Amino acid sequence: MKNELKTQDITAIIAQANRERIDAIGILIVAGSRKALAWTARRADRFLHAFLMSPVDPR
């Protein structure tokens, strides 16, 4: 018994695949942005800590 897909079924499958792909890309962008912001915050914190805690000769 052969199960033939109709045009409407194929269109629904393609639409679902596109939605899943868009969701996956969105998750990837959010995760990458979060990692980049966390990295930038850590670097800024290290820089400010070193800059503000370094000894300074008062004049």
C-alpha atoms as a PDB file:
ATOM      1  CA  MET A   1       0.000   0.000   0.000  1.00  0.00           C
ATOM      2  CA  LYS A   2       1.515   3.239  -1.146  1.00  0.00           C
ATOM      3  CA  ASN A   3       0.870   6.455   0.777  1.00  0.00           C
ATOM      4  CA  GLU A   4       0.956   9.406  -1.579  1.00  0.00           C
ATOM      5  CA  LEU A   5       1.428  12.903  -0.246  1.00  0.00           C
ATOM      6  CA  LYS A   6      -0.789  15.593  -1.616  1.00  0.00           C
ATOM      7  CA  THR A   7       0.419  19.092  -2.410  1.00  0.00           C
ATOM      8  CA  GLN A   8      -1.292  20.394   0.713  1.00  0.00           C
ATOM      9  CA  ASP A   9       0.536  17.833   2.887  1.00  0.00           C
ATOM     10  CA  ILE A  10       3.892  18.717   1.345  1.00  0.00           C
ATOM     11  CA  THR A  11       3.210  22.427   1.858  1.00  0.00           C
ATOM     12  CA  ALA A  12       2.387  21.817   5.535  1.00  0.00           C
ATOM     13  CA  ILE A  13       5.589  19.795   6.021  1.00  0.00           C
ATOM     14  CA  ILE A  14       7.705  22.515   4.397  1.00  0.00           C
ATOM     15  CA  ALA A  15       6.036  25.237   6.482  1.00  0.00           C
ATOM     16  CA  GLN A  16       6.705  23.279   9.692  1.00  0.00           C
ATOM     17  CA  ALA A  17      10.351  22.743   8.697  1.00  0.00           C
ATOM     18  CA  ASN A  18      10.763  26.462   7.993  1.00  0.00           C
ATOM     19  CA  ARG A  19       9.295  27.387  11.393  1.00  0.00           C
ATOM     20  CA  GLU A  20      11.628  24.947  13.151  1.00  0.00           C
ATOM     21  CA  ARG A  21      14.623  26.295  11.225  1.00  0.00           C
ATOM     22  CA  ILE A  22      13.744  29.895  12.093  1.00  0.00           C
ATOM     23  CA  ASP A  23      13.317  28.941  15.766  1.00  0.00           C
ATOM     24  CA  ALA A  24      16.700  27.193  15.783  1.00  0.00           C
ATOM     25  CA  ILE A  25      18.405  30.207  14.189  1.00  0.00           C
ATOM     26  CA  GLY A  26      16.800  32.508  16.761  1.00  0.00           C
ATOM     27  CA  ILE A  27      18.011  30.331  19.625  1.00  0.00           C
ATOM     28  CA  LEU A  28      21.508  30.298  18.125  1.00  0.00           C
ATOM     29  CA  ILE A  29      21.562  34.097  17.816  1.00  0.00           C
ATOM     30  CA  VAL A  30      20.339  34.578  21.391  1.00  0.00           C
ATOM     31  CA  ALA A  31      22.865  32.097  22.785  1.00  0.00           C
ATOM     32  CA  GLY A  32      25.720  33.688  20.835  1.00  0.00           C
ATOM     33  CA  SER A  33      24.724  37.195  21.905  1.00  0.00           C
ATOM     34  CA  ARG A  34      24.498  36.106  25.527  1.00  0.00           C
ATOM     35  CA  LYS A  35      27.969  34.557  25.401  1.00  0.00           C
ATOM     36  CA  ALA A  36      29.419  37.650  23.726  1.00  0.00           C
ATOM     37  CA  LEU A  37      27.870  39.976  26.306  1.00  0.00           C
ATOM     38  CA  ALA A  38      29.076  37.796  29.176  1.00  0.00           C
ATOM     39  CA  TRP A  39      32.599  37.755  27.720  1.00  0.00           C
ATOM     40  CA  THR A  40      32.558  41.554  27.283  1.00  0.00           C
ATOM     41  CA  ALA A  41      31.302  42.053  30.833  1.00  0.00           C
ATOM     42  CA  ARG A  42      34.055  39.819  32.251  1.00  0.00           C
ATOM     43  CA  ARG A  43      36.735  41.672  30.289  1.00  0.00           C
ATOM     44  CA  ALA A  44      35.385  45.062  31.355  1.00  0.00           C
ATOM     45  CA  ASP A  45      35.254  43.912  34.972  1.00  0.00           C
ATOM     46  CA  ARG A  46      38.858  42.710  34.851  1.00  0.00           C
ATOM     47  CA  PHE A  47      40.009  45.940  33.226  1.00  0.00           C
ATOM     48  CA  LEU A  48      38.172  48.153  35.698  1.00  0.00           C
ATOM     49  CA  HIS A  49      39.404  46.103  38.627  1.00  0.00           C
ATOM     50  CA  ALA A  50      43.019  46.389  37.463  1.00  0.00           C
ATOM     51  CA  PHE A  51      42.622  50.075  36.585  1.00  0.00           C
ATOM     52  CA  LEU A  52      40.928  51.126  39.823  1.00  0.00           C
ATOM     53  CA  MET A  53      42.996  48.952  42.152  1.00  0.00           C
ATOM     54  CA  SER A  54      46.389  49.865  40.708  1.00  0.00           C
ATOM     55  CA  PRO A  55      48.586  51.964  42.981  1.00  0.00           C
ATOM     56  CA  VAL A  56      48.724  55.650  42.130  1.00  0.00           C
ATOM     57  CA  ASP A  57      51.298  58.178  43.341  1.00  0.00           C
ATOM     58  CA  PRO A  58      49.412  61.119  44.867  1.00  0.00           C
ATOM     59  CA  ARG A  59      50.777  64.500  43.860  1.00  0.00           C
END
